[in-house]
Amino acid sequence: MEYMHGGDIYTYENVTDYSVNLNPFGPGEEVLLAMAENLKHAGEYPDSKSRKLRSALAEHLQVPQEFLIFGNGAAELIFLLIHSLRPKKALLTIPSFAEYHRALQAVDCECVYYPLSEKHGFVPQTSYLEFLKEDVDLLFLCSPDNPSGAVIPKDFLLEILKTCEEKGILMILDECFVEFLSEPQKQTLCRECERSKNLMILQAFTKISAIPGIRLGYGITSNLELLEKMERNRQPWSVSSVAQAAGCAALKEMKRWQEMRKWLETERAWLEESLTRIGVEWFPSKVNYLLLKSPYPLFSLLLQKNILIRDCSNYEGLEKGYYRIAVKQRTDNEKLLKALEYIYEGGE
């Protein structure tokens, strides 16, 4: 199977990794200590119901505990959801996260595509509503989007949800990057879950807590029938004890998350200004990564400088010349900019 994501530091060793979109400050001390402490329980099975984490997260999100399901990253929940429902027809935006399509392909589901355009900043327009037909079983939307970092206006998300309710469509909203927004509580549709059984939200600790090697994602929905189907198909120990401990500890780091958001606003703006100065084309983002467009083969050229970026040419809806970079700390960002400056001045 072809690997279609960032973070491949096993193929490309000794690189500064700009291909993954994580909290640039890495895992917090609370999380690291909790994981280390939990290793003492490596000889015990993990709690298959994730009870401590379930209680802590439900309190944090202000939702009933029974609305939650946990998985080995949000990607596992995508496959679990599709395997449980086996939809006949689904609506996807392109470009977007590849695992939606892979999961749907695995059950021979017909996919309908709504193309996102550069002209509109990779944000769905009102014409998207025309794609919401009665024969569509479910749709995936990602906001903030991957790979663009664009955010779908909340009013429009609510309009989409209303149409889904009228036409019997399940709306799966991937919010795995929502915590990188300056005010995530104003954008998330989490509060809508209690009202609508046509909505499922996917979130994860992976990005905001910078623990992709631990794998911890969760789903939120009031559709208890759907959750029951998913639980029946889920293997009981997919979320390790270490992951559960990490999640509980991460929920105690809200101050750290807020400090990171404030820093990100400033650093991303500085990075955007620097890219403009060099002549690199970039698209507006609200989160911790930027989509670039370049006439230069940036992936291979930067790799020569031991910098790994995400080549986005394998995203459906994009072509050769699109790349994604993370917003990292200043020292790393200066290294990236120096390499880009050399390329754009003709050094290659």
C-alpha atoms as a PDB file:
ATOM      1  CA  MET A   1       0.000   0.000   0.000  1.00  0.00           C
ATOM      2  CA  GLU A   2       1.332   3.418  -0.977  1.00  0.00           C
ATOM      3  CA  TYR A   3       1.936   5.742   1.981  1.00  0.00           C
ATOM      4  CA  MET A   4      -0.003   8.939   1.227  1.00  0.00           C
ATOM      5  CA  HIS A   5       0.716  11.162   4.223  1.00  0.00           C
ATOM      6  CA  GLY A   6       3.352  13.345   5.828  1.00  0.00           C
ATOM      7  CA  GLY A   7       5.691  12.321   8.628  1.00  0.00           C
ATOM      8  CA  ASP A   8       7.635   9.677   6.693  1.00  0.00           C
ATOM      9  CA  ILE A   9      10.854  10.192   8.642  1.00  0.00           C
ATOM     10  CA  TYR A  10      11.581   6.477   8.218  1.00  0.00           C
ATOM     11  CA  THR A  11      12.118   6.799   4.478  1.00  0.00           C
ATOM     12  CA  TYR A  12      13.672  10.257   4.783  1.00  0.00           C
ATOM     13  CA  GLU A  13      15.998  10.230   7.790  1.00  0.00           C
ATOM     14  CA  ASN A  14      17.751  13.117   9.557  1.00  0.00           C
ATOM     15  CA  VAL A  15      15.376  15.791   8.284  1.00  0.00           C
ATOM     16  CA  THR A  16      13.582  18.771   9.746  1.00  0.00           C
ATOM     17  CA  ASP A  17      10.001  17.589   9.302  1.00  0.00           C
ATOM     18  CA  TYR A  18       7.638  20.211   7.896  1.00  0.00           C
ATOM     19  CA  SER A  19       5.318  17.563   6.451  1.00  0.00           C
ATOM     20  CA  VAL A  20       3.256  17.001   9.608  1.00  0.00           C
ATOM     21  CA  ASN A  21       0.894  19.521  11.227  1.00  0.00           C
ATOM     22  CA  LEU A  22       1.504  19.216  14.959  1.00  0.00           C
ATOM     23  CA  ASN A  23       1.701  21.547  17.919  1.00  0.00           C
ATOM     24  CA  PRO A  24       5.171  23.036  17.266  1.00  0.00           C
ATOM     25  CA  PHE A  25       6.029  22.919  20.969  1.00  0.00           C
ATOM     26  CA  GLY A  26       5.662  19.142  21.129  1.00  0.00           C
ATOM     27  CA  PRO A  27       3.939  17.135  23.872  1.00  0.00           C
ATOM     28  CA  GLY A  28       3.447  18.941  27.189  1.00  0.00           C
ATOM     29  CA  GLU A  29       5.126  17.900  30.426  1.00  0.00           C
ATOM     30  CA  GLU A  30       1.811  16.727  31.939  1.00  0.00           C
ATOM     31  CA  VAL A  31       1.267  14.410  28.969  1.00  0.00           C
ATOM     32  CA  LEU A  32       4.823  13.038  28.953  1.00  0.00           C
ATOM     33  CA  LEU A  33       4.744  12.349  32.694  1.00  0.00           C
ATOM     34  CA  ALA A  34       1.342  10.662  32.487  1.00  0.00           C
ATOM     35  CA  MET A  35       2.507   8.386  29.680  1.00  0.00           C
ATOM     36  CA  ALA A  36       5.708   7.469  31.509  1.00  0.00           C
ATOM     37  CA  GLU A  37       3.814   6.749  34.715  1.00  0.00           C
ATOM     38  CA  ASN A  38       1.291   4.599  32.873  1.00  0.00           C
ATOM     39  CA  LEU A  39       3.988   2.283  31.542  1.00  0.00           C
ATOM     40  CA  LYS A  40       3.982   0.699  35.004  1.00  0.00           C
ATOM     41  CA  HIS A  41       0.639  -0.804  33.960  1.00  0.00           C
ATOM     42  CA  ALA A  42       1.944  -2.301  30.715  1.00  0.00           C
ATOM     43  CA  GLY A  43       1.159  -5.767  32.093  1.00  0.00           C
ATOM     44  CA  GLU A  44      -2.557  -4.942  32.324  1.00  0.00           C
ATOM     45  CA  TYR A  45      -5.203  -4.710  29.617  1.00  0.00           C
ATOM     46  CA  PRO A  46      -6.432  -1.188  28.878  1.00  0.00           C
ATOM     47  CA  ASP A  47      -9.967  -0.166  29.864  1.00  0.00           C
ATOM     48  CA  SER A  48     -11.958  -1.053  26.740  1.00  0.00           C
ATOM     49  CA  LYS A  49     -14.524   1.630  27.646  1.00  0.00           C
ATOM     50  CA  SER A  50     -11.941   4.385  28.319  1.00  0.00           C
ATOM     51  CA  ARG A  51     -13.953   5.345  31.417  1.00  0.00           C
ATOM     52  CA  LYS A  52     -11.611   7.923  32.993  1.00  0.00           C
ATOM     53  CA  LEU A  53     -10.967   9.593  29.658  1.00  0.00           C
ATOM     54  CA  ARG A  54     -14.653   9.437  28.739  1.00  0.00           C
ATOM     55  CA  SER A  55     -15.643  11.186  31.965  1.00  0.00           C
ATOM     56  CA  ALA A  56     -12.950  13.871  31.670  1.00  0.00           C
ATOM     57  CA  LEU A  57     -13.638  14.594  27.987  1.00  0.00           C
ATOM     58  CA  ALA A  58     -17.421  14.693  28.448  1.00  0.00           C
ATOM     59  CA  GLU A  59     -16.955  17.277  31.201  1.00  0.00           C
ATOM     60  CA  HIS A  60     -14.561  19.287  29.018  1.00  0.00           C
ATOM     61  CA  LEU A  61     -16.889  19.253  25.996  1.00  0.00           C
ATOM     62  CA  GLN A  62     -20.074  19.571  28.069  1.00  0.00           C
ATOM     63  CA  VAL A  63     -21.691  16.584  26.322  1.00  0.00           C
ATOM     64  CA  PRO A  64     -23.151  13.347  27.751  1.00  0.00           C
ATOM     65  CA  GLN A  65     -20.604  10.537  28.124  1.00  0.00           C
ATOM     66  CA  GLU A  66     -22.664   8.248  25.907  1.00  0.00           C
ATOM     67  CA  PHE A  67     -22.128  10.608  22.934  1.00  0.00           C
ATOM     68  CA  LEU A  68     -18.420   9.685  22.762  1.00  0.00           C
ATOM     69  CA  ILE A  69     -16.481   6.965  20.986  1.00  0.00           C
ATOM     70  CA  PHE A  70     -12.682   6.586  21.056  1.00  0.00           C
ATOM     71  CA  GLY A  71     -10.303   5.186  18.504  1.00  0.00           C
ATOM     72  CA  ASN A  72      -6.698   4.597  17.560  1.00  0.00           C
ATOM     73  CA  GLY A  73      -6.588   8.057  16.007  1.00  0.00           C
ATOM     74  CA  ALA A  74      -9.446   9.683  14.100  1.00  0.00           C
ATOM     75  CA  ALA A  75      -8.414   7.632  11.044  1.00  0.00           C
ATOM     76  CA  GLU A  76      -9.518   4.411  12.754  1.00  0.00           C
ATOM     77  CA  LEU A  77     -12.921   5.951  13.456  1.00  0.00           C
ATOM     78  CA  ILE A  78     -13.313   6.932   9.783  1.00  0.00           C
ATOM     79  CA  PHE A  79     -12.800   3.327   8.689  1.00  0.00           C
ATOM     80  CA  LEU A  80     -14.902   1.989  11.573  1.00  0.00           C
ATOM     81  CA  LEU A  81     -17.776   4.314  10.724  1.00  0.00           C
ATOM     82  CA  ILE A  82     -17.777   3.383   7.041  1.00  0.00           C
ATOM     83  CA  HIS A  83     -17.396  -0.328   7.744  1.00  0.00           C
ATOM     84  CA  SER A  84     -20.354  -0.143  10.163  1.00  0.00           C
ATOM     85  CA  LEU A  85     -22.680   1.765   7.805  1.00  0.00           C
ATOM     86  CA  ARG A  86     -21.529   0.484   4.388  1.00  0.00           C
ATOM     87  CA  PRO A  87     -22.997   3.471   2.528  1.00  0.00           C
ATOM     88  CA  LYS A  88     -23.897   3.249  -1.160  1.00  0.00           C
ATOM     89  CA  LYS A  89     -23.180   6.876  -2.065  1.00  0.00           C
ATOM     90  CA  ALA A  90     -21.063   9.562  -0.390  1.00  0.00           C
ATOM     91  CA  LEU A  91     -20.147  13.183  -1.076  1.00  0.00           C
ATOM     92  CA  LEU A  92     -16.538  14.361  -0.721  1.00  0.00           C
ATOM     93  CA  THR A  93     -14.799  17.653  -1.307  1.00  0.00           C
ATOM     94  CA  ILE A  94     -11.534  17.619  -3.220  1.00  0.00           C
ATOM     95  CA  PRO A  95      -8.800  18.200  -2.301  1.00  0.00           C
ATOM     96  CA  SER A  96      -9.152  16.841   1.210  1.00  0.00           C
ATOM     97  CA  PHE A  97      -7.897  14.148   3.596  1.00  0.00           C
ATOM     98  CA  ALA A  98      -7.227  10.928   1.643  1.00  0.00           C
ATOM     99  CA  GLU A  99      -8.540   8.481   4.246  1.00  0.00           C
ATOM    100  CA  TYR A 100     -12.190   9.412   3.605  1.00  0.00           C
ATOM    101  CA  HIS A 101     -11.900   8.113   0.061  1.00  0.00           C
ATOM    102  CA  ARG A 102      -9.852   5.067   1.043  1.00  0.00           C
ATOM    103  CA  ALA A 103     -12.414   4.020   3.649  1.00  0.00           C
ATOM    104  CA  LEU A 104     -15.285   4.450   1.181  1.00  0.00           C
ATOM    105  CA  GLN A 105     -13.407   2.546  -1.513  1.00  0.00           C
ATOM    106  CA  ALA A 106     -12.997  -0.370   0.880  1.00  0.00           C
ATOM    107  CA  VAL A 107     -16.791  -0.902   0.938  1.00  0.00           C
ATOM    108  CA  ASP A 108     -17.304  -0.167  -2.796  1.00  0.00           C
ATOM    109  CA  CYS A 109     -19.166   3.059  -2.089  1.00  0.00           C
ATOM    110  CA  GLU A 110     -19.837   5.421  -4.996  1.00  0.00           C
ATOM    111  CA  CYS A 111     -18.179   8.789  -4.386  1.00  0.00           C
ATOM    112  CA  VAL A 112     -19.416  12.133  -5.701  1.00  0.00           C
ATOM    113  CA  TYR A 113     -16.897  14.980  -5.671  1.00  0.00           C
ATOM    114  CA  TYR A 114     -17.339  18.683  -5.054  1.00  0.00           C
ATOM    115  CA  PRO A 115     -14.195  20.499  -6.280  1.00  0.00           C
ATOM    116  CA  LEU A 116     -12.786  23.216  -4.038  1.00  0.00           C
ATOM    117  CA  SER A 117     -11.189  26.044  -6.007  1.00  0.00           C
ATOM    118  CA  GLU A 118      -8.219  28.339  -5.487  1.00  0.00           C
ATOM    119  CA  LYS A 119     -10.465  31.226  -6.542  1.00  0.00           C
ATOM    120  CA  HIS A 120     -12.628  30.742  -3.451  1.00  0.00           C
ATOM    121  CA  GLY A 121      -9.780  29.895  -1.092  1.00  0.00           C
ATOM    122  CA  PHE A 122     -10.638  26.165  -1.076  1.00  0.00           C
ATOM    123  CA  VAL A 123     -13.902  26.893   0.773  1.00  0.00           C
ATOM    124  CA  PRO A 124     -17.209  25.311  -0.414  1.00  0.00           C
ATOM    125  CA  GLN A 125     -19.647  27.777  -1.969  1.00  0.00           C
ATOM    126  CA  THR A 126     -23.467  27.788  -1.906  1.00  0.00           C
ATOM    127  CA  SER A 127     -23.393  25.536  -4.998  1.00  0.00           C
ATOM    128  CA  TYR A 128     -22.346  22.751  -2.592  1.00  0.00           C
ATOM    129  CA  LEU A 129     -25.952  22.545  -1.410  1.00  0.00           C
ATOM    130  CA  GLU A 130     -26.989  21.368  -4.883  1.00  0.00           C
ATOM    131  CA  PHE A 131     -24.903  18.217  -4.329  1.00  0.00           C
ATOM    132  CA  LEU A 132     -26.986  17.266  -1.274  1.00  0.00           C
ATOM    133  CA  LYS A 133     -29.460  14.902  -2.870  1.00  0.00           C
ATOM    134  CA  GLU A 134     -31.703  12.259  -1.309  1.00  0.00           C
ATOM    135  CA  ASP A 135     -29.608   9.387  -2.681  1.00  0.00           C
ATOM    136  CA  VAL A 136     -26.489  10.572  -0.803  1.00  0.00           C
ATOM    137  CA  ASP A 137     -26.056   8.542   2.396  1.00  0.00           C
ATOM    138  CA  LEU A 138     -23.319  10.595   4.005  1.00  0.00           C
ATOM    139  CA  LEU A 139     -20.763  13.333   3.442  1.00  0.00           C
ATOM    140  CA  PHE A 140     -17.367  14.243   4.822  1.00  0.00           C
ATOM    141  CA  LEU A 141     -16.348  17.840   5.441  1.00  0.00           C
ATOM    142  CA  CYS A 142     -13.075  18.967   6.995  1.00  0.00           C
ATOM    143  CA  SER A 143     -12.944  22.342   8.735  1.00  0.00           C
ATOM    144  CA  PRO A 144     -10.280  23.590   9.209  1.00  0.00           C
ATOM    145  CA  ASP A 145      -9.482  21.837   5.957  1.00  0.00           C
ATOM    146  CA  ASN A 146      -6.493  19.686   5.124  1.00  0.00           C
ATOM    147  CA  PRO A 147      -4.360  20.574   3.150  1.00  0.00           C
ATOM    148  CA  SER A 148      -5.467  24.213   2.761  1.00  0.00           C
ATOM    149  CA  GLY A 149      -6.101  25.297   6.371  1.00  0.00           C
ATOM    150  CA  ALA A 150      -9.283  27.057   5.195  1.00  0.00           C
ATOM    151  CA  VAL A 151     -12.288  27.286   7.504  1.00  0.00           C
ATOM    152  CA  ILE A 152     -15.891  26.830   6.380  1.00  0.00           C
ATOM    153  CA  PRO A 153     -18.026  29.627   7.886  1.00  0.00           C
ATOM    154  CA  LYS A 154     -20.087  28.299  10.781  1.00  0.00           C
ATOM    155  CA  ASP A 155     -23.335  29.728   9.373  1.00  0.00           C
ATOM    156  CA  PHE A 156     -22.783  27.765   6.170  1.00  0.00           C
ATOM    157  CA  LEU A 157     -21.983  24.579   8.101  1.00  0.00           C
ATOM    158  CA  LEU A 158     -25.290  24.977   9.928  1.00  0.00           C
ATOM    159  CA  GLU A 159     -27.080  25.458   6.602  1.00  0.00           C
ATOM    160  CA  ILE A 160     -25.479  22.265   5.295  1.00  0.00           C
ATOM    161  CA  LEU A 161     -26.526  20.413   8.447  1.00  0.00           C
ATOM    162  CA  LYS A 162     -30.109  21.651   8.089  1.00  0.00           C
ATOM    163  CA  THR A 163     -30.222  20.346   4.514  1.00  0.00           C
ATOM    164  CA  CYS A 164     -28.741  17.018   5.643  1.00  0.00           C
ATOM    165  CA  GLU A 165     -31.497  16.693   8.232  1.00  0.00           C
ATOM    166  CA  GLU A 166     -34.151  17.376   5.603  1.00  0.00           C
ATOM    167  CA  LYS A 167     -32.709  14.816   3.173  1.00  0.00           C
ATOM    168  CA  GLY A 168     -31.608  12.112   5.602  1.00  0.00           C
ATOM    169  CA  ILE A 169     -27.861  12.545   5.048  1.00  0.00           C
ATOM    170  CA  LEU A 170     -25.277  11.876   7.754  1.00  0.00           C
ATOM    171  CA  MET A 171     -22.840  14.811   8.019  1.00  0.00           C
ATOM    172  CA  ILE A 172     -19.377  13.810   9.248  1.00  0.00           C
ATOM    173  CA  LEU A 173     -17.426  16.905  10.211  1.00  0.00           C
ATOM    174  CA  ASP A 174     -13.707  16.463  10.732  1.00  0.00           C
ATOM    175  CA  GLU A 175     -12.563  19.053  13.280  1.00  0.00           C
ATOM    176  CA  CYS A 176      -9.141  17.571  14.044  1.00  0.00           C
ATOM    177  CA  PHE A 177      -7.478  20.967  13.566  1.00  0.00           C
ATOM    178  CA  VAL A 178     -10.140  23.120  15.218  1.00  0.00           C
ATOM    179  CA  GLU A 179      -8.088  23.542  18.405  1.00  0.00           C
ATOM    180  CA  PHE A 180      -5.480  25.511  16.435  1.00  0.00           C
ATOM    181  CA  LEU A 181      -7.981  28.288  15.721  1.00  0.00           C
ATOM    182  CA  SER A 182      -7.699  31.420  17.842  1.00  0.00           C
ATOM    183  CA  GLU A 183     -11.241  30.840  19.182  1.00  0.00           C
ATOM    184  CA  PRO A 184     -12.144  27.179  18.545  1.00  0.00           C
ATOM    185  CA  GLN A 185     -15.277  27.308  20.700  1.00  0.00           C
ATOM    186  CA  LYS A 186     -16.835  29.802  18.265  1.00  0.00           C
ATOM    187  CA  GLN A 187     -16.260  27.517  15.253  1.00  0.00           C
ATOM    188  CA  THR A 188     -16.931  23.984  16.464  1.00  0.00           C
ATOM    189  CA  LEU A 189     -20.334  22.386  15.897  1.00  0.00           C
ATOM    190  CA  CYS A 190     -19.942  20.277  19.030  1.00  0.00           C
ATOM    191  CA  ARG A 191     -22.988  21.879  20.687  1.00  0.00           C
ATOM    192  CA  GLU A 192     -25.127  20.911  17.677  1.00  0.00           C
ATOM    193  CA  CYS A 193     -24.561  17.202  18.310  1.00  0.00           C
ATOM    194  CA  GLU A 194     -27.125  17.085  21.107  1.00  0.00           C
ATOM    195  CA  ARG A 195     -29.785  18.545  18.823  1.00  0.00           C
ATOM    196  CA  SER A 196     -29.067  16.647  15.599  1.00  0.00           C
ATOM    197  CA  LYS A 197     -28.650  12.913  15.042  1.00  0.00           C
ATOM    198  CA  ASN A 198     -27.476  13.686  11.489  1.00  0.00           C
ATOM    199  CA  LEU A 199     -24.146  15.016  12.733  1.00  0.00           C
ATOM    200  CA  MET A 200     -20.969  13.255  13.800  1.00  0.00           C
ATOM    201  CA  ILE A 201     -17.856  15.233  14.702  1.00  0.00           C
ATOM    202  CA  LEU A 202     -14.345  13.803  14.581  1.00  0.00           C
ATOM    203  CA  GLN A 203     -11.605  15.285  16.745  1.00  0.00           C
ATOM    204  CA  ALA A 204      -8.237  14.087  18.028  1.00  0.00           C
ATOM    205  CA  PHE A 205      -5.485  14.718  20.542  1.00  0.00           C
ATOM    206  CA  THR A 206      -2.917  13.745  17.909  1.00  0.00           C
ATOM    207  CA  LYS A 207      -2.302  17.228  16.472  1.00  0.00           C
ATOM    208  CA  ILE A 208      -2.917  19.651  19.335  1.00  0.00           C
ATOM    209  CA  SER A 209      -0.998  17.515  21.855  1.00  0.00           C
ATOM    210  CA  ALA A 210       1.657  16.447  19.304  1.00  0.00           C
ATOM    211  CA  ILE A 211       1.307  12.719  20.045  1.00  0.00           C
ATOM    212  CA  PRO A 212       0.850  11.079  16.605  1.00  0.00           C
ATOM    213  CA  GLY A 213       2.825   8.044  17.743  1.00  0.00           C
ATOM    214  CA  ILE A 214       0.310   7.395  20.531  1.00  0.00           C
ATOM    215  CA  ARG A 215      -2.853   7.564  18.361  1.00  0.00           C
ATOM    216  CA  LEU A 216      -5.929   8.974  20.090  1.00  0.00           C
ATOM    217  CA  GLY A 217      -9.030  10.247  18.334  1.00  0.00           C
ATOM    218  CA  TYR A 218     -12.683  10.517  19.263  1.00  0.00           C
ATOM    219  CA  GLY A 219     -16.113  10.947  17.747  1.00  0.00           C
ATOM    220  CA  ILE A 220     -19.081  12.925  19.090  1.00  0.00           C
ATOM    221  CA  THR A 221     -22.695  12.250  18.140  1.00  0.00           C
ATOM    222  CA  SER A 222     -26.131  11.867  19.700  1.00  0.00           C
ATOM    223  CA  ASN A 223     -26.900   9.134  17.152  1.00  0.00           C
ATOM    224  CA  LEU A 224     -26.695   6.293  19.658  1.00  0.00           C
ATOM    225  CA  GLU A 225     -27.777   3.722  17.071  1.00  0.00           C
ATOM    226  CA  LEU A 226     -24.751   4.655  14.963  1.00  0.00           C
ATOM    227  CA  LEU A 227     -22.451   4.478  17.989  1.00  0.00           C
ATOM    228  CA  GLU A 228     -23.804   1.038  18.880  1.00  0.00           C
ATOM    229  CA  LYS A 229     -23.035  -0.222  15.363  1.00  0.00           C
ATOM    230  CA  MET A 230     -19.538   1.192  15.570  1.00  0.00           C
ATOM    231  CA  GLU A 231     -18.896  -0.298  19.005  1.00  0.00           C
ATOM    232  CA  ARG A 232     -20.026  -3.713  17.736  1.00  0.00           C
ATOM    233  CA  ASN A 233     -17.408  -3.518  14.979  1.00  0.00           C
ATOM    234  CA  ARG A 234     -14.610  -2.015  17.081  1.00  0.00           C
ATOM    235  CA  GLN A 235     -11.941  -4.282  18.495  1.00  0.00           C
ATOM    236  CA  PRO A 236     -12.050  -3.785  22.290  1.00  0.00           C
ATOM    237  CA  TRP A 237      -8.470  -2.606  22.999  1.00  0.00           C
ATOM    238  CA  SER A 238      -7.741  -0.245  20.133  1.00  0.00           C
ATOM    239  CA  VAL A 239      -7.020   2.624  22.568  1.00  0.00           C
ATOM    240  CA  SER A 240      -4.017   1.785  24.726  1.00  0.00           C
ATOM    241  CA  SER A 241      -3.703   2.604  28.414  1.00  0.00           C
ATOM    242  CA  VAL A 242      -0.886   5.016  27.533  1.00  0.00           C
ATOM    243  CA  ALA A 243      -3.135   6.837  25.040  1.00  0.00           C
ATOM    244  CA  GLN A 244      -5.961   7.094  27.579  1.00  0.00           C
ATOM    245  CA  ALA A 245      -3.579   8.503  30.187  1.00  0.00           C
ATOM    246  CA  ALA A 246      -2.210  10.987  27.645  1.00  0.00           C
ATOM    247  CA  GLY A 247      -5.724  12.175  26.802  1.00  0.00           C
ATOM    248  CA  CYS A 248      -6.635  12.734  30.457  1.00  0.00           C
ATOM    249  CA  ALA A 249      -3.421  14.697  31.007  1.00  0.00           C
ATOM    250  CA  ALA A 250      -3.878  16.752  27.835  1.00  0.00           C
ATOM    251  CA  LEU A 251      -7.225  18.035  29.111  1.00  0.00           C
ATOM    252  CA  LYS A 252      -5.332  19.667  31.997  1.00  0.00           C
ATOM    253  CA  GLU A 253      -3.184  21.694  29.581  1.00  0.00           C
ATOM    254  CA  MET A 254      -5.730  24.240  28.375  1.00  0.00           C
ATOM    255  CA  LYS A 255      -3.501  27.167  29.370  1.00  0.00           C
ATOM    256  CA  ARG A 256      -0.676  25.723  27.283  1.00  0.00           C
ATOM    257  CA  TRP A 257      -2.984  25.310  24.281  1.00  0.00           C
ATOM    258  CA  GLN A 258      -4.108  28.933  24.586  1.00  0.00           C
ATOM    259  CA  GLU A 259      -0.540  30.191  24.773  1.00  0.00           C
ATOM    260  CA  MET A 260       0.294  28.177  21.650  1.00  0.00           C
ATOM    261  CA  ARG A 261      -2.685  29.714  19.784  1.00  0.00           C
ATOM    262  CA  LYS A 262      -1.518  33.257  20.571  1.00  0.00           C
ATOM    263  CA  TRP A 263       2.029  32.409  19.473  1.00  0.00           C
ATOM    264  CA  LEU A 264       0.739  30.733  16.284  1.00  0.00           C
ATOM    265  CA  GLU A 265      -1.174  33.837  15.164  1.00  0.00           C
ATOM    266  CA  THR A 266       2.026  35.887  15.290  1.00  0.00           C
ATOM    267  CA  GLU A 267       4.388  33.281  13.863  1.00  0.00           C
ATOM    268  CA  ARG A 268       2.114  32.346  10.965  1.00  0.00           C
ATOM    269  CA  ALA A 269       1.725  36.021   9.999  1.00  0.00           C
ATOM    270  CA  TRP A 270       5.517  36.461  10.087  1.00  0.00           C
ATOM    271  CA  LEU A 271       5.995  33.315   7.988  1.00  0.00           C
ATOM    272  CA  GLU A 272       3.401  34.490   5.443  1.00  0.00           C
ATOM    273  CA  GLU A 273       5.104  37.891   5.129  1.00  0.00           C
ATOM    274  CA  SER A 274       8.481  36.214   4.681  1.00  0.00           C
ATOM    275  CA  LEU A 275       7.154  33.871   1.987  1.00  0.00           C
ATOM    276  CA  THR A 276       5.664  36.845   0.136  1.00  0.00           C
ATOM    277  CA  ARG A 277       8.989  38.661   0.293  1.00  0.00           C
ATOM    278  CA  ILE A 278      10.756  35.668  -1.257  1.00  0.00           C
ATOM    279  CA  GLY A 279       8.070  35.292  -3.936  1.00  0.00           C
ATOM    280  CA  VAL A 280       6.477  32.040  -2.761  1.00  0.00           C
ATOM    281  CA  GLU A 281       2.746  31.786  -3.490  1.00  0.00           C
ATOM    282  CA  TRP A 282       0.712  30.709  -0.460  1.00  0.00           C
ATOM    283  CA  PHE A 283      -2.978  30.383   0.390  1.00  0.00           C
ATOM    284  CA  PRO A 284      -4.600  31.919   3.489  1.00  0.00           C
ATOM    285  CA  SER A 285      -4.803  29.538   6.441  1.00  0.00           C
ATOM    286  CA  LYS A 286      -6.303  29.815   9.912  1.00  0.00           C
ATOM    287  CA  VAL A 287      -4.248  27.049  11.486  1.00  0.00           C
ATOM    288  CA  ASN A 288      -0.714  25.681  11.865  1.00  0.00           C
ATOM    289  CA  TYR A 289       0.105  24.908   8.223  1.00  0.00           C
ATOM    290  CA  LEU A 290       0.141  26.598   4.827  1.00  0.00           C
ATOM    291  CA  LEU A 291      -0.551  25.351   1.317  1.00  0.00           C
ATOM    292  CA  LEU A 292       2.017  26.588  -1.200  1.00  0.00           C
ATOM    293  CA  LYS A 293       2.095  26.665  -4.999  1.00  0.00           C
ATOM    294  CA  SER A 294       5.412  26.764  -6.798  1.00  0.00           C
ATOM    295  CA  PRO A 295       6.915  26.301 -10.273  1.00  0.00           C
ATOM    296  CA  TYR A 296       9.972  24.760  -8.573  1.00  0.00           C
ATOM    297  CA  PRO A 297      10.150  21.081  -7.495  1.00  0.00           C
ATOM    298  CA  LEU A 298      10.246  22.117  -3.848  1.00  0.00           C
ATOM    299  CA  PHE A 299       9.950  18.624  -2.374  1.00  0.00           C
ATOM    300  CA  SER A 300      13.173  17.346  -3.939  1.00  0.00           C
ATOM    301  CA  LEU A 301      15.051  20.636  -3.679  1.00  0.00           C
ATOM    302  CA  LEU A 302      14.307  21.095   0.011  1.00  0.00           C
ATOM    303  CA  LEU A 303      15.061  17.456   0.705  1.00  0.00           C
ATOM    304  CA  GLN A 304      18.591  18.177  -0.495  1.00  0.00           C
ATOM    305  CA  LYS A 305      18.724  20.644   2.407  1.00  0.00           C
ATOM    306  CA  ASN A 306      17.395  17.961   4.814  1.00  0.00           C
ATOM    307  CA  ILE A 307      13.966  19.614   4.977  1.00  0.00           C
ATOM    308  CA  LEU A 308      10.931  17.385   4.473  1.00  0.00           C
ATOM    309  CA  ILE A 309       7.716  19.045   3.251  1.00  0.00           C
ATOM    310  CA  ARG A 310       4.425  17.525   2.106  1.00  0.00           C
ATOM    311  CA  ASP A 311       4.177  17.052  -1.660  1.00  0.00           C
ATOM    312  CA  CYS A 312       0.413  17.476  -2.258  1.00  0.00           C
ATOM    313  CA  SER A 313       0.364  16.225  -5.848  1.00  0.00           C
ATOM    314  CA  ASN A 314      -1.264  12.967  -4.675  1.00  0.00           C
ATOM    315  CA  TYR A 315      -4.283  14.838  -3.276  1.00  0.00           C
ATOM    316  CA  GLU A 316      -7.316  14.312  -5.490  1.00  0.00           C
ATOM    317  CA  GLY A 317      -8.058  17.707  -7.028  1.00  0.00           C
ATOM    318  CA  LEU A 318      -4.481  19.013  -6.854  1.00  0.00           C
ATOM    319  CA  GLU A 319      -1.638  18.590  -9.300  1.00  0.00           C
ATOM    320  CA  LYS A 320       2.127  18.834  -9.364  1.00  0.00           C
ATOM    321  CA  GLY A 321       3.354  22.069  -7.819  1.00  0.00           C
ATOM    322  CA  TYR A 322       1.332  22.162  -4.573  1.00  0.00           C
ATOM    323  CA  TYR A 323       3.071  21.688  -1.237  1.00  0.00           C
ATOM    324  CA  ARG A 324       2.124  21.947   2.427  1.00  0.00           C
ATOM    325  CA  ILE A 325       4.368  23.210   5.191  1.00  0.00           C
ATOM    326  CA  ALA A 326       3.826  23.293   8.931  1.00  0.00           C
ATOM    327  CA  VAL A 327       4.330  26.393  11.047  1.00  0.00           C
ATOM    328  CA  LYS A 328       7.209  25.440  13.308  1.00  0.00           C
ATOM    329  CA  GLN A 329       9.314  27.391  15.784  1.00  0.00           C
ATOM    330  CA  ARG A 330      11.304  30.421  14.629  1.00  0.00           C
ATOM    331  CA  THR A 331      14.732  28.745  14.325  1.00  0.00           C
ATOM    332  CA  ASP A 332      13.327  26.015  12.066  1.00  0.00           C
ATOM    333  CA  ASN A 333      11.256  28.516  10.088  1.00  0.00           C
ATOM    334  CA  GLU A 334      14.343  30.607   9.427  1.00  0.00           C
ATOM    335  CA  LYS A 335      16.113  27.507   8.110  1.00  0.00           C
ATOM    336  CA  LEU A 336      13.199  26.785   5.762  1.00  0.00           C
ATOM    337  CA  LEU A 337      13.037  30.374   4.523  1.00  0.00           C
ATOM    338  CA  LYS A 338      16.778  30.482   3.885  1.00  0.00           C
ATOM    339  CA  ALA A 339      16.486  27.336   1.741  1.00  0.00           C
ATOM    340  CA  LEU A 340      13.484  28.747  -0.155  1.00  0.00           C
ATOM    341  CA  GLU A 341      15.279  32.038  -0.721  1.00  0.00           C
ATOM    342  CA  TYR A 342      18.218  30.178  -2.247  1.00  0.00           C
ATOM    343  CA  ILE A 343      15.859  28.281  -4.591  1.00  0.00           C
ATOM    344  CA  TYR A 344      13.910  31.360  -5.658  1.00  0.00           C
ATOM    345  CA  GLU A 345      17.078  33.344  -6.313  1.00  0.00           C
ATOM    346  CA  GLY A 346      18.039  30.696  -8.852  1.00  0.00           C
ATOM    347  CA  GLY A 347      20.399  28.612  -6.771  1.00  0.00           C
ATOM    348  CA  GLU A 348      18.253  25.469  -6.729  1.00  0.00           C
END
